[in-house]
């Protein structure tokens, strides 16, 4: 099954640097089945993220790429995840990132 990976970045992304390498172990990522991300894709499509680098601001996740999720967007994601019993672990990870004011990285399909 197709999976998305989400992890907390210990250091803020650097301006001008691309985050194209698939490194889920570096960020202690959790895997989420694509069928669950498909269900929330429309709801998160209006949230501000960055695709691959801080130089590419975008709305919604880079579905087949790398998404950098800034601390100021995390509460919006948590709101989407709040009533979804299938994504409890993901919501908890976002809550931890929010409490620590950390960025989240997403590796798409």
PDB file of N, CA and C in Angstrom:
ATOM      1  N   UNK A   1       0.830  -1.196   0.000  1.00  0.00           N
ATOM      2  CA  UNK A   1       0.000   0.000   0.000  1.00  0.00           C
ATOM      3  C   UNK A   1       0.870   1.252   0.000  1.00  0.00           C
ATOM      4  N   UNK A   2       0.388   2.279  -0.652  1.00  0.00           N
ATOM      5  CA  UNK A   2       1.115   3.548  -0.710  1.00  0.00           C
ATOM      6  C   UNK A   2       1.061   4.233   0.656  1.00  0.00           C
ATOM      7  N   UNK A   3       2.185   4.800   1.045  1.00  0.00           N
ATOM      8  CA  UNK A   3       2.298   5.434   2.360  1.00  0.00           C
ATOM      9  C   UNK A   3       2.837   6.850   2.249  1.00  0.00           C
ATOM     10  N   UNK A   4       2.429   7.676   3.201  1.00  0.00           N
ATOM     11  CA  UNK A   4       3.002   8.992   3.423  1.00  0.00           C
ATOM     12  C   UNK A   4       3.773   8.893   4.730  1.00  0.00           C
ATOM     13  N   UNK A   5       4.837   9.658   4.854  1.00  0.00           N
ATOM     14  CA  UNK A   5       5.649   9.662   6.071  1.00  0.00           C
ATOM     15  C   UNK A   5       5.660  11.078   6.644  1.00  0.00           C
ATOM     16  N   UNK A   6       5.476  11.193   7.963  1.00  0.00           N
ATOM     17  CA  UNK A   6       5.484  12.485   8.640  1.00  0.00           C
ATOM     18  C   UNK A   6       6.434  12.411   9.821  1.00  0.00           C
ATOM     19  N   UNK A   7       7.252  13.457  10.002  1.00  0.00           N
ATOM     20  CA  UNK A   7       8.166  13.494  11.131  1.00  0.00           C
ATOM     21  C   UNK A   7       8.432  14.915  11.591  1.00  0.00           C
ATOM     22  N   UNK A   8       8.911  15.032  12.802  1.00  0.00           N
ATOM     23  CA  UNK A   8       9.246  16.334  13.386  1.00  0.00           C
ATOM     24  C   UNK A   8      10.698  16.657  13.063  1.00  0.00           C
ATOM     25  N   UNK A   9      10.916  17.848  12.558  1.00  0.00           N
ATOM     26  CA  UNK A   9      12.271  18.304  12.247  1.00  0.00           C
ATOM     27  C   UNK A   9      12.898  18.886  13.518  1.00  0.00           C
ATOM     28  N   UNK A  10      14.075  18.421  13.878  1.00  0.00           N
ATOM     29  CA  UNK A  10      14.727  18.921  15.086  1.00  0.00           C
ATOM     30  C   UNK A  10      15.342  20.302  14.875  1.00  0.00           C
ATOM     31  N   UNK A  11      15.680  20.611  13.632  1.00  0.00           N
ATOM     32  CA  UNK A  11      16.206  21.942  13.299  1.00  0.00           C
ATOM     33  C   UNK A  11      15.303  22.546  12.229  1.00  0.00           C
ATOM     34  N   UNK A  12      15.122  23.851  12.286  1.00  0.00           N
ATOM     35  CA  UNK A  12      14.309  24.530  11.274  1.00  0.00           C
ATOM     36  C   UNK A  12      14.943  24.351   9.897  1.00  0.00           C
ATOM     37  N   UNK A  13      14.114  24.253   8.857  1.00  0.00           N
ATOM     38  CA  UNK A  13      14.679  24.163   7.507  1.00  0.00           C
ATOM     39  C   UNK A  13      15.491  25.409   7.185  1.00  0.00           C
ATOM     40  N   UNK A  14      16.503  25.229   6.366  1.00  0.00           N
ATOM     41  CA  UNK A  14      17.384  26.327   5.996  1.00  0.00           C
ATOM     42  C   UNK A  14      16.928  26.955   4.685  1.00  0.00           C
ATOM     43  N   UNK A  15      16.947  28.263   4.642  1.00  0.00           N
ATOM     44  CA  UNK A  15      16.607  28.984   3.419  1.00  0.00           C
ATOM     45  C   UNK A  15      17.581  28.600   2.315  1.00  0.00           C
ATOM     46  N   UNK A  16      17.067  28.362   1.110  1.00  0.00           N
ATOM     47  CA  UNK A  16      17.911  28.017  -0.024  1.00  0.00           C
ATOM     48  C   UNK A  16      18.258  26.545  -0.129  1.00  0.00           C
ATOM     49  N   UNK A  17      17.964  25.762   0.899  1.00  0.00           N
ATOM     50  CA  UNK A  17      18.270  24.326   0.867  1.00  0.00           C
ATOM     51  C   UNK A  17      17.036  23.555   0.395  1.00  0.00           C
ATOM     52  N   UNK A  18      17.269  22.550  -0.453  1.00  0.00           N
ATOM     53  CA  UNK A  18      16.176  21.671  -0.911  1.00  0.00           C
ATOM     54  C   UNK A  18      16.145  20.425  -0.032  1.00  0.00           C
ATOM     55  N   UNK A  19      14.951  19.998   0.271  1.00  0.00           N
ATOM     56  CA  UNK A  19      14.739  18.796   1.071  1.00  0.00           C
ATOM     57  C   UNK A  19      14.104  17.730   0.180  1.00  0.00           C
ATOM     58  N   UNK A  20      14.880  17.227  -0.771  1.00  0.00           N
ATOM     59  CA  UNK A  20      14.378  16.280  -1.756  1.00  0.00           C
ATOM     60  C   UNK A  20      14.685  14.819  -1.418  1.00  0.00           C
ATOM     61  N   UNK A  21      15.621  14.599  -0.527  1.00  0.00           N
ATOM     62  CA  UNK A  21      16.010  13.231  -0.212  1.00  0.00           C
ATOM     63  C   UNK A  21      14.987  12.578   0.709  1.00  0.00           C
ATOM     64  N   UNK A  22      14.671  11.333   0.395  1.00  0.00           N
ATOM     65  CA  UNK A  22      13.744  10.551   1.203  1.00  0.00           C
ATOM     66  C   UNK A  22      14.499  10.022   2.418  1.00  0.00           C
ATOM     67  N   UNK A  23      14.259  10.645   3.587  1.00  0.00           N
ATOM     68  CA  UNK A  23      14.996  10.307   4.811  1.00  0.00           C
ATOM     69  C   UNK A  23      14.047  10.145   6.007  1.00  0.00           C
ATOM     70  N   UNK A  24      13.082   9.243   5.944  1.00  0.00           N
ATOM     71  CA  UNK A  24      12.126   9.129   7.053  1.00  0.00           C
ATOM     72  C   UNK A  24      12.765   8.732   8.378  1.00  0.00           C
ATOM     73  N   UNK A  25      13.844   7.968   8.337  1.00  0.00           N
ATOM     74  CA  UNK A  25      14.505   7.557   9.582  1.00  0.00           C
ATOM     75  C   UNK A  25      15.171   8.751  10.274  1.00  0.00           C
ATOM     76  N   UNK A  26      15.629   9.716   9.509  1.00  0.00           N
ATOM     77  CA  UNK A  26      16.281  10.907  10.075  1.00  0.00           C
ATOM     78  C   UNK A  26      15.312  11.700  10.948  1.00  0.00           C
ATOM     79  N   UNK A  27      14.031  11.673  10.589  1.00  0.00           N
ATOM     80  CA  UNK A  27      13.024  12.466  11.290  1.00  0.00           C
ATOM     81  C   UNK A  27      12.088  11.599  12.138  1.00  0.00           C
ATOM     82  N   UNK A  28      12.460  10.326  12.331  1.00  0.00           N
ATOM     83  CA  UNK A  28      11.660   9.405  13.124  1.00  0.00           C
ATOM     84  C   UNK A  28      10.195   9.425  12.675  1.00  0.00           C
ATOM     85  N   UNK A  29      10.004   9.289  11.369  1.00  0.00           N
ATOM     86  CA  UNK A  29       8.678   9.431  10.766  1.00  0.00           C
ATOM     87  C   UNK A  29       7.724   8.306  11.131  1.00  0.00           C
ATOM     88  N   UNK A  30       6.453   8.662  11.104  1.00  0.00           N
ATOM     89  CA  UNK A  30       5.394   7.671  11.205  1.00  0.00           C
ATOM     90  C   UNK A  30       4.772   7.536   9.817  1.00  0.00           C
ATOM     91  N   UNK A  31       4.340   6.331   9.490  1.00  0.00           N
ATOM     92  CA  UNK A  31       3.722   6.060   8.190  1.00  0.00           C
ATOM     93  C   UNK A  31       2.212   6.158   8.295  1.00  0.00           C
ATOM     94  N   UNK A  32       1.616   6.742   7.265  1.00  0.00           N
ATOM     95  CA  UNK A  32       0.164   6.862   7.192  1.00  0.00           C
ATOM     96  C   UNK A  32      -0.267   6.372   5.815  1.00  0.00           C
ATOM     97  N   UNK A  33      -1.192   5.455   5.798  1.00  0.00           N
ATOM     98  CA  UNK A  33      -1.685   4.906   4.544  1.00  0.00           C
ATOM     99  C   UNK A  33      -2.314   6.010   3.696  1.00  0.00           C
ATOM    100  N   UNK A  34      -2.067   5.955   2.400  1.00  0.00           N
ATOM    101  CA  UNK A  34      -2.573   6.970   1.480  1.00  0.00           C
ATOM    102  C   UNK A  34      -4.091   7.124   1.543  1.00  0.00           C
ATOM    103  N   UNK A  35      -4.816   6.038   1.797  1.00  0.00           N
ATOM    104  CA  UNK A  35      -6.284   6.145   1.810  1.00  0.00           C
ATOM    105  C   UNK A  35      -6.770   7.109   2.892  1.00  0.00           C
ATOM    106  N   UNK A  36      -6.014   7.260   3.982  1.00  0.00           N
ATOM    107  CA  UNK A  36      -6.400   8.202   5.033  1.00  0.00           C
ATOM    108  C   UNK A  36      -6.036   9.638   4.662  1.00  0.00           C
ATOM    109  N   UNK A  37      -4.923   9.814   3.964  1.00  0.00           N
ATOM    110  CA  UNK A  37      -4.523  11.152   3.522  1.00  0.00           C
ATOM    111  C   UNK A  37      -5.474  11.634   2.426  1.00  0.00           C
ATOM    112  N   UNK A  38      -5.887  10.733   1.553  1.00  0.00           N
ATOM    113  CA  UNK A  38      -6.865  11.093   0.517  1.00  0.00           C
ATOM    114  C   UNK A  38      -8.123  11.697   1.125  1.00  0.00           C
ATOM    115  N   UNK A  39      -8.551  11.151   2.271  1.00  0.00           N
ATOM    116  CA  UNK A  39      -9.790  11.608   2.918  1.00  0.00           C
ATOM    117  C   UNK A  39      -9.695  13.035   3.447  1.00  0.00           C
ATOM    118  N   UNK A  40      -8.480  13.486   3.768  1.00  0.00           N
ATOM    119  CA  UNK A  40      -8.322  14.842   4.328  1.00  0.00           C
ATOM    120  C   UNK A  40      -7.667  15.817   3.349  1.00  0.00           C
ATOM    121  N   UNK A  41      -7.320  15.348   2.162  1.00  0.00           N
ATOM    122  CA  UNK A  41      -6.581  16.173   1.192  1.00  0.00           C
ATOM    123  C   UNK A  41      -7.299  17.488   0.889  1.00  0.00           C
ATOM    124  N   UNK A  42      -8.599  17.441   0.680  1.00  0.00           N
ATOM    125  CA  UNK A  42      -9.335  18.678   0.391  1.00  0.00           C
ATOM    126  C   UNK A  42      -9.308  19.640   1.569  1.00  0.00           C
ATOM    127  N   UNK A  43      -9.429  19.108   2.777  1.00  0.00           N
ATOM    128  CA  UNK A  43      -9.468  19.952   3.973  1.00  0.00           C
ATOM    129  C   UNK A  43      -8.139  20.656   4.242  1.00  0.00           C
ATOM    130  N   UNK A  44      -7.043  20.029   3.867  1.00  0.00           N
ATOM    131  CA  UNK A  44      -5.733  20.663   4.104  1.00  0.00           C
ATOM    132  C   UNK A  44      -5.225  21.425   2.886  1.00  0.00           C
ATOM    133  N   UNK A  45      -6.001  21.427   1.818  1.00  0.00           N
ATOM    134  CA  UNK A  45      -5.548  22.065   0.573  1.00  0.00           C
ATOM    135  C   UNK A  45      -5.456  23.586   0.657  1.00  0.00           C
ATOM    136  N   UNK A  46      -6.027  24.179   1.685  1.00  0.00           N
ATOM    137  CA  UNK A  46      -5.962  25.637   1.819  1.00  0.00           C
ATOM    138  C   UNK A  46      -4.953  26.088   2.879  1.00  0.00           C
ATOM    139  N   UNK A  47      -4.250  25.137   3.486  1.00  0.00           N
ATOM    140  CA  UNK A  47      -3.283  25.471   4.541  1.00  0.00           C
ATOM    141  C   UNK A  47      -1.933  25.799   3.906  1.00  0.00           C
ATOM    142  N   UNK A  48      -1.247  26.791   4.468  1.00  0.00           N
ATOM    143  CA  UNK A  48       0.051  27.233   3.949  1.00  0.00           C
ATOM    144  C   UNK A  48       1.178  26.281   4.348  1.00  0.00           C
ATOM    145  N   UNK A  49       1.860  25.767   3.327  1.00  0.00           N
ATOM    146  CA  UNK A  49       3.016  24.906   3.508  1.00  0.00           C
ATOM    147  C   UNK A  49       4.116  25.367   2.555  1.00  0.00           C
ATOM    148  N   UNK A  50       5.205  24.616   2.512  1.00  0.00           N
ATOM    149  CA  UNK A  50       6.282  24.828   1.551  1.00  0.00           C
ATOM    150  C   UNK A  50       6.559  23.492   0.875  1.00  0.00           C
ATOM    151  N   UNK A  51       6.885  23.547  -0.414  1.00  0.00           N
ATOM    152  CA  UNK A  51       7.172  22.327  -1.162  1.00  0.00           C
ATOM    153  C   UNK A  51       8.654  22.238  -1.453  1.00  0.00           C
ATOM    154  N   UNK A  52       9.315  21.261  -0.885  1.00  0.00           N
ATOM    155  CA  UNK A  52      10.727  20.910  -1.113  1.00  0.00           C
ATOM    156  C   UNK A  52      11.733  21.915  -0.563  1.00  0.00           C
ATOM    157  N   UNK A  53      11.359  23.187  -0.469  1.00  0.00           N
ATOM    158  CA  UNK A  53      12.275  24.241  -0.050  1.00  0.00           C
ATOM    159  C   UNK A  53      11.454  25.422   0.481  1.00  0.00           C
ATOM    160  N   UNK A  54      12.081  26.253   1.286  1.00  0.00           N
ATOM    161  CA  UNK A  54      11.388  27.450   1.786  1.00  0.00           C
ATOM    162  C   UNK A  54      11.139  28.466   0.672  1.00  0.00           C
ATOM    163  N   UNK A  55      11.740  28.241  -0.484  1.00  0.00           N
ATOM    164  CA  UNK A  55      11.574  29.143  -1.619  1.00  0.00           C
ATOM    165  C   UNK A  55      10.292  28.882  -2.406  1.00  0.00           C
ATOM    166  N   UNK A  56       9.557  27.820  -2.056  1.00  0.00           N
ATOM    167  CA  UNK A  56       8.327  27.491  -2.784  1.00  0.00           C
ATOM    168  C   UNK A  56       7.150  27.400  -1.809  1.00  0.00           C
ATOM    169  N   UNK A  57       6.568  28.557  -1.445  1.00  0.00           N
ATOM    170  CA  UNK A  57       5.362  28.507  -0.606  1.00  0.00           C
ATOM    171  C   UNK A  57       4.207  27.951  -1.439  1.00  0.00           C
ATOM    172  N   UNK A  58       3.352  27.151  -0.810  1.00  0.00           N
ATOM    173  CA  UNK A  58       2.241  26.528  -1.527  1.00  0.00           C
ATOM    174  C   UNK A  58       1.099  26.241  -0.562  1.00  0.00           C
ATOM    175  N   UNK A  59      -0.038  25.912  -1.121  1.00  0.00           N
ATOM    176  CA  UNK A  59      -1.207  25.501  -0.335  1.00  0.00           C
ATOM    177  C   UNK A  59      -1.322  23.989  -0.435  1.00  0.00           C
ATOM    178  N   UNK A  60      -1.583  23.325   0.678  1.00  0.00           N
ATOM    179  CA  UNK A  60      -1.736  21.881   0.682  1.00  0.00           C
ATOM    180  C   UNK A  60      -0.406  21.163   0.585  1.00  0.00           C
ATOM    181  N   UNK A  61      -0.464  19.841   0.742  1.00  0.00           N
ATOM    182  CA  UNK A  61       0.770  19.059   0.720  1.00  0.00           C
ATOM    183  C   UNK A  61       1.239  18.776  -0.704  1.00  0.00           C
ATOM    184  N   UNK A  62       2.534  18.563  -0.831  1.00  0.00           N
ATOM    185  CA  UNK A  62       3.116  18.079  -2.090  1.00  0.00           C
ATOM    186  C   UNK A  62       2.844  16.575  -2.075  1.00  0.00           C
ATOM    187  N   UNK A  63       1.747  16.174  -2.677  1.00  0.00           N
ATOM    188  CA  UNK A  63       1.234  14.815  -2.548  1.00  0.00           C
ATOM    189  C   UNK A  63       2.263  13.748  -2.924  1.00  0.00           C
ATOM    190  N   UNK A  64       3.042  14.025  -3.935  1.00  0.00           N
ATOM    191  CA  UNK A  64       4.062  13.065  -4.378  1.00  0.00           C
ATOM    192  C   UNK A  64       5.463  13.608  -4.161  1.00  0.00           C
ATOM    193  N   UNK A  65       5.601  14.556  -3.267  1.00  0.00           N
ATOM    194  CA  UNK A  65       6.899  15.173  -3.013  1.00  0.00           C
ATOM    195  C   UNK A  65       7.117  15.379  -1.533  1.00  0.00           C
ATOM    196  N   UNK A  66       7.916  16.389  -1.216  1.00  0.00           N
ATOM    197  CA  UNK A  66       8.262  16.707   0.169  1.00  0.00           C
ATOM    198  C   UNK A  66       7.582  18.015   0.564  1.00  0.00           C
ATOM    199  N   UNK A  67       6.932  17.994   1.704  1.00  0.00           N
ATOM    200  CA  UNK A  67       6.246  19.171   2.232  1.00  0.00           C
ATOM    201  C   UNK A  67       6.916  19.584   3.537  1.00  0.00           C
ATOM    202  N   UNK A  68       7.173  20.875   3.672  1.00  0.00           N
ATOM    203  CA  UNK A  68       7.682  21.443   4.925  1.00  0.00           C
ATOM    204  C   UNK A  68       6.515  22.185   5.564  1.00  0.00           C
ATOM    205  N   UNK A  69       6.158  21.777   6.775  1.00  0.00           N
ATOM    206  CA  UNK A  69       4.984  22.327   7.455  1.00  0.00           C
ATOM    207  C   UNK A  69       5.456  23.212   8.599  1.00  0.00           C
ATOM    208  N   UNK A  70       5.242  24.537   8.477  1.00  0.00           N
ATOM    209  CA  UNK A  70       5.750  25.464   9.495  1.00  0.00           C
ATOM    210  C   UNK A  70       4.907  25.429  10.768  1.00  0.00           C
ATOM    211  N   UNK A  71       5.506  25.807  11.889  1.00  0.00           N
ATOM    212  CA  UNK A  71       4.780  25.805  13.160  1.00  0.00           C
ATOM    213  C   UNK A  71       3.465  26.584  13.116  1.00  0.00           C
ATOM    214  N   UNK A  72       3.428  27.675  12.353  1.00  0.00           N
ATOM    215  CA  UNK A  72       2.204  28.489  12.320  1.00  0.00           C
ATOM    216  C   UNK A  72       1.049  27.818  11.570  1.00  0.00           C
ATOM    217  N   UNK A  73       1.310  26.744  10.852  1.00  0.00           N
ATOM    218  CA  UNK A  73       0.265  26.010  10.141  1.00  0.00           C
ATOM    219  C   UNK A  73      -0.178  24.741  10.874  1.00  0.00           C
ATOM    220  N   UNK A  74       0.543  24.375  11.897  1.00  0.00           N
ATOM    221  CA  UNK A  74       0.286  23.097  12.570  1.00  0.00           C
ATOM    222  C   UNK A  74      -1.082  23.058  13.239  1.00  0.00           C
ATOM    223  N   UNK A  75      -1.507  24.129  13.878  1.00  0.00           N
ATOM    224  CA  UNK A  75      -2.823  24.124  14.535  1.00  0.00           C
ATOM    225  C   UNK A  75      -3.949  23.895  13.528  1.00  0.00           C
ATOM    226  N   UNK A  76      -3.797  24.426  12.321  1.00  0.00           N
ATOM    227  CA  UNK A  76      -4.806  24.198  11.280  1.00  0.00           C
ATOM    228  C   UNK A  76      -4.867  22.723  10.899  1.00  0.00           C
ATOM    229  N   UNK A  77      -3.720  22.076  10.841  1.00  0.00           N
ATOM    230  CA  UNK A  77      -3.684  20.645  10.534  1.00  0.00           C
ATOM    231  C   UNK A  77      -4.325  19.857  11.677  1.00  0.00           C
ATOM    232  N   UNK A  78      -3.998  20.205  12.897  1.00  0.00           N
ATOM    233  CA  UNK A  78      -4.571  19.518  14.062  1.00  0.00           C
ATOM    234  C   UNK A  78      -6.098  19.623  14.039  1.00  0.00           C
ATOM    235  N   UNK A  79      -6.624  20.768  13.674  1.00  0.00           N
ATOM    236  CA  UNK A  79      -8.072  20.945  13.583  1.00  0.00           C
ATOM    237  C   UNK A  79      -8.682  19.954  12.604  1.00  0.00           C
ATOM    238  N   UNK A  80      -8.022  19.740  11.477  1.00  0.00           N
ATOM    239  CA  UNK A  80      -8.501  18.773  10.481  1.00  0.00           C
ATOM    240  C   UNK A  80      -8.446  17.352  11.046  1.00  0.00           C
ATOM    241  N   UNK A  81      -7.410  17.054  11.814  1.00  0.00           N
ATOM    242  CA  UNK A  81      -7.205  15.697  12.325  1.00  0.00           C
ATOM    243  C   UNK A  81      -8.026  15.385  13.574  1.00  0.00           C
ATOM    244  N   UNK A  82      -8.549  16.399  14.237  1.00  0.00           N
ATOM    245  CA  UNK A  82      -9.178  16.246  15.551  1.00  0.00           C
ATOM    246  C   UNK A  82     -10.237  15.157  15.645  1.00  0.00           C
ATOM    247  N   UNK A  83     -11.121  15.085  14.720  1.00  0.00           N
ATOM    248  CA  UNK A  83     -12.228  14.132  14.822  1.00  0.00           C
ATOM    249  C   UNK A  83     -12.038  12.906  13.945  1.00  0.00           C
ATOM    250  N   UNK A  84     -10.797  12.595  13.620  1.00  0.00           N
ATOM    251  CA  UNK A  84     -10.520  11.464  12.748  1.00  0.00           C
ATOM    252  C   UNK A  84      -9.861  10.349  13.557  1.00  0.00           C
ATOM    253  N   UNK A  85     -10.624   9.333  13.903  1.00  0.00           N
ATOM    254  CA  UNK A  85     -10.112   8.253  14.753  1.00  0.00           C
ATOM    255  C   UNK A  85      -9.026   7.425  14.065  1.00  0.00           C
ATOM    256  N   UNK A  86      -8.947   7.498  12.740  1.00  0.00           N
ATOM    257  CA  UNK A  86      -7.936   6.740  12.011  1.00  0.00           C
ATOM    258  C   UNK A  86      -6.573   7.421  12.030  1.00  0.00           C
ATOM    259  N   UNK A  87      -6.541   8.691  12.411  1.00  0.00           N
ATOM    260  CA  UNK A  87      -5.295   9.462  12.359  1.00  0.00           C
ATOM    261  C   UNK A  87      -4.875   9.992  13.730  1.00  0.00           C
ATOM    262  N   UNK A  88      -5.192   9.248  14.778  1.00  0.00           N
ATOM    263  CA  UNK A  88      -4.868   9.670  16.145  1.00  0.00           C
ATOM    264  C   UNK A  88      -3.358   9.816  16.340  1.00  0.00           C
ATOM    265  N   UNK A  89      -2.595   8.853  15.861  1.00  0.00           N
ATOM    266  CA  UNK A  89      -1.136   8.907  16.028  1.00  0.00           C
ATOM    267  C   UNK A  89      -0.560  10.124  15.306  1.00  0.00           C
ATOM    268  N   UNK A  90      -1.079  10.424  14.133  1.00  0.00           N
ATOM    269  CA  UNK A  90      -0.607  11.590  13.384  1.00  0.00           C
ATOM    270  C   UNK A  90      -0.969  12.875  14.123  1.00  0.00           C
ATOM    271  N   UNK A  91      -2.174  12.953  14.640  1.00  0.00           N
ATOM    272  CA  UNK A  91      -2.601  14.134  15.405  1.00  0.00           C
ATOM    273  C   UNK A  91      -1.698  14.326  16.620  1.00  0.00           C
ATOM    274  N   UNK A  92      -1.380  13.256  17.320  1.00  0.00           N
ATOM    275  CA  UNK A  92      -0.507  13.347  18.497  1.00  0.00           C
ATOM    276  C   UNK A  92       0.885  13.842  18.118  1.00  0.00           C
ATOM    277  N   UNK A  93       1.390  13.395  16.966  1.00  0.00           N
ATOM    278  CA  UNK A  93       2.698  13.861  16.520  1.00  0.00           C
ATOM    279  C   UNK A  93       2.658  15.361  16.216  1.00  0.00           C
ATOM    280  N   UNK A  94       1.582  15.826  15.565  1.00  0.00           N
ATOM    281  CA  UNK A  94       1.439  17.253  15.287  1.00  0.00           C
ATOM    282  C   UNK A  94       1.289  18.053  16.579  1.00  0.00           C
ATOM    283  N   UNK A  95       0.593  17.513  17.560  1.00  0.00           N
ATOM    284  CA  UNK A  95       0.458  18.203  18.850  1.00  0.00           C
ATOM    285  C   UNK A  95       1.812  18.338  19.536  1.00  0.00           C
ATOM    286  N   UNK A  96       2.632  17.301  19.441  1.00  0.00           N
ATOM    287  CA  UNK A  96       3.988  17.371  20.013  1.00  0.00           C
ATOM    288  C   UNK A  96       4.807  18.440  19.300  1.00  0.00           C
ATOM    289  N   UNK A  97       4.738  18.458  17.963  1.00  0.00           N
ATOM    290  CA  UNK A  97       5.467  19.475  17.196  1.00  0.00           C
ATOM    291  C   UNK A  97       4.991  20.876  17.580  1.00  0.00           C
ATOM    292  N   UNK A  98       3.701  21.032  17.754  1.00  0.00           N
ATOM    293  CA  UNK A  98       3.148  22.337  18.143  1.00  0.00           C
ATOM    294  C   UNK A  98       3.669  22.768  19.516  1.00  0.00           C
ATOM    295  N   UNK A  99       3.653  21.846  20.461  1.00  0.00           N
ATOM    296  CA  UNK A  99       4.127  22.155  21.820  1.00  0.00           C
ATOM    297  C   UNK A  99       5.599  22.545  21.832  1.00  0.00           C
ATOM    298  N   UNK A 100       6.367  21.974  20.903  1.00  0.00           N
ATOM    299  CA  UNK A 100       7.808  22.244  20.832  1.00  0.00           C
ATOM    300  C   UNK A 100       8.154  23.330  19.811  1.00  0.00           C
ATOM    301  N   UNK A 101       7.125  23.897  19.148  1.00  0.00           N
ATOM    302  CA  UNK A 101       7.316  24.922  18.110  1.00  0.00           C
ATOM    303  C   UNK A 101       8.275  24.432  17.013  1.00  0.00           C
ATOM    304  N   UNK A 102       8.047  23.203  16.557  1.00  0.00           N
ATOM    305  CA  UNK A 102       8.896  22.576  15.545  1.00  0.00           C
ATOM    306  C   UNK A 102       8.183  22.481  14.198  1.00  0.00           C
ATOM    307  N   UNK A 103       8.974  22.368  13.158  1.00  0.00           N
ATOM    308  CA  UNK A 103       8.477  22.114  11.804  1.00  0.00           C
ATOM    309  C   UNK A 103       8.202  20.623  11.656  1.00  0.00           C
ATOM    310  N   UNK A 104       7.267  20.286  10.772  1.00  0.00           N
ATOM    311  CA  UNK A 104       6.993  18.896  10.425  1.00  0.00           C
ATOM    312  C   UNK A 104       7.370  18.720   8.946  1.00  0.00           C
ATOM    313  N   UNK A 105       7.947  17.566   8.636  1.00  0.00           N
ATOM    314  CA  UNK A 105       8.273  17.232   7.254  1.00  0.00           C
ATOM    315  C   UNK A 105       7.376  16.085   6.805  1.00  0.00           C
ATOM    316  N   UNK A 106       6.935  16.158   5.576  1.00  0.00           N
ATOM    317  CA  UNK A 106       6.075  15.130   4.984  1.00  0.00           C
ATOM    318  C   UNK A 106       6.740  14.607   3.722  1.00  0.00           C
ATOM    319  N   UNK A 107       6.859  13.297   3.627  1.00  0.00           N
ATOM    320  CA  UNK A 107       7.340  12.641   2.430  1.00  0.00           C
ATOM    321  C   UNK A 107       6.133  11.995   1.770  1.00  0.00           C
ATOM    322  N   UNK A 108       5.771  12.481   0.580  1.00  0.00           N
ATOM    323  CA  UNK A 108       4.611  11.971  -0.129  1.00  0.00           C
ATOM    324  C   UNK A 108       4.901  10.663  -0.836  1.00  0.00           C
ATOM    325  N   UNK A 109       3.958  10.264  -1.646  1.00  0.00           N
ATOM    326  CA  UNK A 109       4.049   8.978  -2.359  1.00  0.00           C
ATOM    327  C   UNK A 109       5.297   8.867  -3.216  1.00  0.00           C
TER     328      UNK A 109
END
